[in-house]
Amino acid sequence: MDFRADQIERYSRHILLQDIGVEGQEKISNGKVLVIGAGGLGAPVLLYLAAAGVGRLGVIDGDVVDVSNLQRQVIHFTPDVGKPKVLSAKEKIEQINPDVEVVAYHEFFTADNAFDLISGYDFIVDGTDNFPVKFLINDACVLGGKPFSHGGILRFEGQTLTHLPGTACYRCAFHSPPPPNAVPTCSQAGVLGAIAGMLGTIQAAEALKFLTGTGDLLTNRLLSFQAKSMHFRTVTIRKNPHCPVCGEHPVITGLHEAEQAACELKKR
């Protein structure tokens, strides 16, 4: 594609990078990313992917903005309280970068709509806040052959991994959702607002690395951090031959949902 003069100026810091350049920026501008959840993680992901010039950004969320969201969901402002999150996010994205096509889905990600939603996108970002939907996203992406970034936060902690077809998936690391009430929710235990930004920007970087083919993705690795000590660690996650969805003899061949409280993170 031929960039306009104003686009060359806008993306000049990308174009200057030897590993990105004009060709990489073209890949970003032609890229299509679906962000599931316009909350704490989805907010920084959407802001940075919009600024980077991703050609199409899909955002799905069935919630409206609540005043308690504003402590960490930085794409929403005080006047947005009561507005659907996807519409609030769409407005900010279009202000940041009018080149980006924004597709807003004011609905929840479910077993019924999952395959249709992910089908038109190159990369999926999990910005959700509950285990059942995280496993649903994993299963849909594995069965649908879609790469995705998992992310989760709680208190002062965050974790993320990236899945490409053929690499370890979320179920390889965590077989199934924990029992109800086994892990506290953010509304019960709290979360430091900046943690969402720390993890969300990592997920945005993974999406841009995937689109441009730059660097090493967090495949077969789980990155976690504890912000109180600013300690980061990476744990190798091997593809599990007995994984129920991506193993040698999968037993999960379709999508189903389970109920559980929101805003949770698997504790290791």
Protein backbone atom coordinates (compact mmCIF):
# COMPACT_ATOMS: atom_id res chain seq x y z
CA MET A 1 0.00 0.00 0.00
CA ASP A 2 1.08 3.59 -0.56
CA PHE A 3 1.16 5.62 2.63
CA ARG A 4 0.10 9.23 2.57
CA ALA A 5 2.58 11.84 3.76
CA ASP A 6 0.72 12.28 7.04
CA GLN A 7 0.73 8.51 7.61
CA ILE A 8 4.46 8.32 7.00
CA GLU A 9 4.91 11.00 9.63
CA ARG A 10 2.47 9.32 12.04
CA TYR A 11 4.20 5.95 11.82
CA SER A 12 7.73 7.29 11.38
CA ARG A 13 9.05 5.79 14.63
CA HIS A 14 7.94 2.36 13.45
CA ILE A 15 9.32 2.90 9.98
CA LEU A 16 12.70 3.87 11.45
CA LEU A 17 12.97 0.50 13.18
CA GLN A 18 15.09 -1.89 11.14
CA ASP A 19 12.85 -4.83 12.11
CA ILE A 20 9.65 -3.00 11.14
CA GLY A 21 10.22 -0.46 8.39
CA VAL A 22 7.68 0.37 5.70
CA GLU A 23 6.98 -3.29 5.01
CA GLY A 24 6.23 -4.01 8.67
CA GLN A 25 3.98 -0.98 8.95
CA GLU A 26 2.10 -2.17 5.89
CA LYS A 27 1.54 -5.51 7.64
CA ILE A 28 0.22 -3.67 10.70
CA SER A 29 -2.06 -1.53 8.56
CA ASN A 30 -3.40 -4.61 6.82
CA GLY A 31 -3.77 -6.51 10.09
CA LYS A 32 -7.03 -7.45 11.79
CA VAL A 33 -7.11 -7.96 15.57
CA LEU A 34 -10.08 -8.88 17.75
CA VAL A 35 -9.92 -7.77 21.39
CA ILE A 36 -12.30 -9.66 23.65
CA GLY A 37 -13.13 -7.39 26.57
CA ALA A 38 -12.90 -3.59 26.71
CA GLY A 39 -11.89 -3.51 30.37
CA GLY A 40 -8.63 -3.34 32.28
CA LEU A 41 -6.58 -5.37 29.79
CA GLY A 42 -8.51 -4.50 26.66
CA ALA A 43 -8.17 -0.77 27.27
CA PRO A 44 -4.35 -0.50 26.86
CA VAL A 45 -4.37 -3.15 24.14
CA LEU A 46 -6.87 -1.15 22.10
CA LEU A 47 -5.12 2.18 22.71
CA TYR A 48 -1.72 0.92 21.57
CA LEU A 49 -2.99 -1.10 18.62
CA ALA A 50 -4.98 1.92 17.47
CA ALA A 51 -1.95 4.16 17.79
CA ALA A 52 0.12 1.60 15.87
CA GLY A 53 -2.33 1.73 12.99
CA VAL A 54 -3.81 -1.78 12.98
CA GLY A 55 -6.15 -1.78 10.01
CA ARG A 56 -9.18 -3.33 11.66
CA LEU A 57 -9.81 -3.51 15.39
CA GLY A 58 -12.72 -5.57 16.59
CA VAL A 59 -13.84 -5.13 20.18
CA ILE A 60 -16.47 -7.21 21.92
CA ASP A 61 -17.95 -6.51 25.35
CA GLY A 62 -21.52 -6.68 26.60
CA ASP A 63 -21.01 -4.42 29.62
CA VAL A 64 -21.51 -0.70 30.18
CA VAL A 65 -18.99 1.60 31.83
CA ASP A 66 -19.23 1.65 35.64
CA VAL A 67 -17.55 4.21 37.86
CA SER A 68 -15.53 1.42 39.51
CA ASN A 69 -13.99 0.65 36.09
CA LEU A 70 -12.29 4.03 35.84
CA GLN A 71 -9.50 3.11 38.27
CA ARG A 72 -7.87 0.85 35.63
CA GLN A 73 -9.86 0.86 32.36
CA VAL A 74 -8.10 3.87 30.90
CA ILE A 75 -9.94 3.97 27.59
CA HIS A 76 -13.09 5.08 29.44
CA PHE A 77 -13.59 8.54 30.94
CA THR A 78 -15.93 9.81 33.65
CA PRO A 79 -18.58 11.08 31.17
CA ASP A 80 -18.71 7.55 29.70
CA VAL A 81 -20.31 6.02 32.82
CA GLY A 82 -23.43 4.16 31.71
CA LYS A 83 -22.31 3.95 28.06
CA PRO A 84 -21.63 0.58 26.40
CA LYS A 85 -17.92 -0.09 26.74
CA VAL A 86 -17.51 -0.94 23.07
CA LEU A 87 -18.97 2.43 22.02
CA SER A 88 -16.81 4.30 24.51
CA ALA A 89 -13.75 2.45 23.23
CA LYS A 90 -14.69 3.05 19.58
CA GLU A 91 -14.92 6.80 20.19
CA LYS A 92 -11.42 6.94 21.71
CA ILE A 93 -9.88 4.77 19.01
CA GLU A 94 -11.30 6.96 16.25
CA GLN A 95 -9.93 10.04 17.99
CA ILE A 96 -6.49 8.46 18.32
CA ASN A 97 -6.32 7.23 14.74
CA PRO A 98 -9.02 7.79 12.10
CA ASP A 99 -7.21 5.33 9.79
CA VAL A 100 -8.37 2.40 11.95
CA GLU A 101 -11.61 0.60 11.14
CA VAL A 102 -13.36 -0.19 14.42
CA VAL A 103 -15.94 -2.96 14.61
CA ALA A 104 -17.86 -2.84 17.90
CA TYR A 105 -19.78 -5.87 19.14
CA HIS A 106 -22.01 -4.95 22.08
CA GLU A 107 -22.51 -8.54 23.21
CA PHE A 108 -20.74 -11.18 25.24
CA PHE A 109 -18.37 -13.78 23.79
CA THR A 110 -20.27 -17.08 23.93
CA ALA A 111 -20.14 -20.60 22.54
CA ASP A 112 -22.83 -19.59 20.05
CA ASN A 113 -21.00 -16.62 18.51
CA ALA A 114 -17.34 -17.47 19.12
CA PHE A 115 -16.42 -19.00 15.77
CA ASP A 116 -18.23 -16.31 13.80
CA LEU A 117 -16.49 -13.56 15.77
CA ILE A 118 -12.93 -14.86 15.45
CA SER A 119 -13.22 -15.93 11.81
CA GLY A 120 -12.51 -12.51 10.31
CA TYR A 121 -9.40 -11.73 12.37
CA ASP A 122 -5.70 -12.56 12.19
CA PHE A 123 -5.01 -12.45 15.94
CA ILE A 124 -7.19 -12.61 19.04
CA VAL A 125 -6.49 -10.92 22.38
CA ASP A 126 -8.07 -12.29 25.56
CA GLY A 127 -8.79 -9.29 27.76
CA THR A 128 -11.53 -10.99 29.78
CA ASP A 129 -11.86 -11.29 33.53
CA ASN A 130 -13.20 -14.77 34.21
CA PHE A 131 -11.99 -18.33 33.78
CA PRO A 132 -14.89 -19.87 31.83
CA VAL A 133 -14.56 -17.29 29.04
CA LYS A 134 -10.77 -17.65 29.00
CA PHE A 135 -11.14 -21.39 28.43
CA LEU A 136 -13.84 -20.71 25.83
CA ILE A 137 -11.50 -18.33 23.98
CA ASN A 138 -8.72 -20.91 24.13
CA ASP A 139 -10.92 -23.69 22.80
CA ALA A 140 -12.41 -21.55 20.04
CA CYS A 141 -8.99 -20.37 18.88
CA VAL A 142 -7.43 -23.84 19.03
CA LEU A 143 -10.32 -25.44 17.16
CA GLY A 144 -10.50 -22.51 14.75
CA GLY A 145 -6.74 -22.40 14.12
CA LYS A 146 -6.41 -18.82 15.39
CA PRO A 147 -3.41 -17.38 17.28
CA PHE A 148 -4.21 -15.56 20.49
CA SER A 149 -2.77 -13.85 23.56
CA HIS A 150 -3.99 -14.86 27.02
CA GLY A 151 -3.80 -12.41 29.90
CA GLY A 152 -4.94 -12.37 33.52
CA ILE A 153 -4.48 -10.03 36.51
CA LEU A 154 -5.27 -9.99 40.22
CA ARG A 155 -4.01 -7.87 43.14
CA PHE A 156 -0.39 -7.01 42.15
CA GLU A 157 0.11 -9.90 39.73
CA GLY A 158 -0.23 -10.61 36.04
CA GLN A 159 0.37 -13.48 33.64
CA THR A 160 0.32 -13.95 29.89
CA LEU A 161 1.13 -16.46 27.17
CA THR A 162 0.73 -16.52 23.40
CA HIS A 163 -0.63 -19.47 21.44
CA LEU A 164 0.00 -20.23 17.80
CA PRO A 165 -1.41 -23.33 16.11
CA GLY A 166 0.81 -26.22 17.13
CA THR A 167 2.16 -24.62 20.32
CA ALA A 168 1.06 -25.12 23.93
CA CYS A 169 -2.39 -23.74 24.62
CA TYR A 170 -3.97 -22.39 27.80
CA ARG A 171 -5.32 -25.83 28.68
CA CYS A 172 -1.81 -27.29 28.38
CA ALA A 173 -0.87 -25.02 31.30
CA PHE A 174 -4.19 -25.05 33.16
CA HIS A 175 -6.31 -28.09 32.39
CA SER A 176 -9.70 -26.70 33.40
CA PRO A 177 -11.31 -23.85 35.36
CA PRO A 178 -10.84 -24.01 39.15
CA PRO A 179 -13.85 -24.85 41.32
CA PRO A 180 -16.23 -21.96 42.02
CA ASN A 181 -15.00 -19.68 44.82
CA ALA A 182 -11.56 -21.33 44.85
CA VAL A 183 -9.94 -18.08 43.69
CA PRO A 184 -11.09 -14.61 44.83
CA THR A 185 -12.37 -12.07 42.34
CA CYS A 186 -10.95 -8.58 41.82
CA SER A 187 -14.02 -7.17 43.54
CA GLN A 188 -13.14 -9.34 46.55
CA ALA A 189 -9.35 -9.11 46.52
CA GLY A 190 -8.73 -5.92 44.52
CA VAL A 191 -6.27 -5.12 41.75
CA LEU A 192 -3.70 -2.34 41.36
CA GLY A 193 -4.89 -0.34 38.37
CA ALA A 194 -1.47 -0.01 36.76
CA ILE A 195 -1.15 -3.81 36.62
CA ALA A 196 -3.72 -3.82 33.83
CA GLY A 197 -1.59 -1.39 31.87
CA MET A 198 1.59 -3.39 32.43
CA LEU A 199 0.06 -6.60 31.14
CA GLY A 200 -2.10 -5.07 28.43
CA THR A 201 0.85 -3.37 26.77
CA ILE A 202 2.70 -6.70 26.73
CA GLN A 203 -0.29 -8.25 24.97
CA ALA A 204 -0.37 -5.38 22.48
CA ALA A 205 3.32 -5.90 21.77
CA GLU A 206 2.68 -9.61 21.14
CA ALA A 207 -0.05 -8.74 18.64
CA LEU A 208 2.22 -6.32 16.78
CA LYS A 209 5.09 -8.82 16.81
CA PHE A 210 2.78 -11.42 15.33
CA LEU A 211 1.52 -9.12 12.58
CA THR A 212 5.04 -8.05 11.59
CA GLY A 213 6.81 -11.36 12.17
CA THR A 214 9.26 -9.62 14.48
CA GLY A 215 11.01 -11.17 17.47
CA ASP A 216 10.08 -14.19 19.58
CA LEU A 217 6.52 -14.55 20.77
CA LEU A 218 5.57 -15.87 24.21
CA THR A 219 4.76 -19.29 22.77
CA ASN A 220 5.37 -22.30 25.00
CA ARG A 221 6.14 -19.82 27.78
CA LEU A 222 4.12 -18.29 30.60
CA LEU A 223 5.30 -14.82 31.61
CA SER A 224 4.23 -13.75 35.10
CA PHE A 225 5.11 -10.81 37.29
CA GLN A 226 4.65 -9.59 40.85
CA ALA A 227 4.60 -5.79 40.83
CA LYS A 228 5.23 -5.35 44.55
CA SER A 229 8.76 -6.68 44.06
CA MET A 230 8.88 -6.00 40.29
CA HIS A 231 9.92 -9.59 39.82
CA PHE A 232 9.29 -11.11 36.39
CA ARG A 233 9.71 -14.76 35.51
CA THR A 234 9.12 -16.94 32.48
CA VAL A 235 8.14 -20.59 32.86
CA THR A 236 8.38 -23.06 29.98
CA ILE A 237 5.01 -24.58 29.09
CA ARG A 238 5.28 -27.77 27.05
CA LYS A 239 2.58 -28.82 24.64
CA ASN A 240 0.67 -31.50 26.52
CA PRO A 241 0.00 -34.64 24.44
CA HIS A 242 -2.92 -35.34 26.78
CA CYS A 243 -4.43 -31.84 26.46
CA PRO A 244 -8.20 -32.25 26.05
CA VAL A 245 -8.38 -29.77 23.17
CA CYS A 246 -5.00 -29.78 21.37
CA GLY A 247 -3.58 -33.15 22.45
CA GLU A 248 -3.14 -36.32 20.45
CA HIS A 249 -6.61 -37.58 21.33
CA PRO A 250 -8.73 -34.48 21.98
CA VAL A 251 -12.03 -34.91 23.80
CA ILE A 252 -13.10 -31.28 23.35
CA THR A 253 -14.30 -30.98 19.77
CA GLY A 254 -16.93 -28.30 20.28
CA LEU A 255 -17.60 -25.30 22.49
CA HIS A 256 -19.40 -25.15 25.81
CA GLU A 257 -19.63 -22.64 28.63
CA ALA A 258 -19.52 -22.79 32.42
CA GLU A 259 -20.55 -20.20 35.00
CA GLN A 260 -18.13 -18.54 37.38
CA ALA A 261 -17.57 -15.20 39.07
CA ALA A 262 -15.72 -12.51 37.13
CA CYS A 263 -12.26 -10.97 37.33
CA GLU A 264 -10.16 -13.93 38.37
CA LEU A 265 -6.59 -15.13 37.86
CA LYS A 266 -5.29 -18.65 38.24
CA LYS A 267 -2.83 -18.74 41.15
CA ARG A 268 0.37 -20.72 40.79
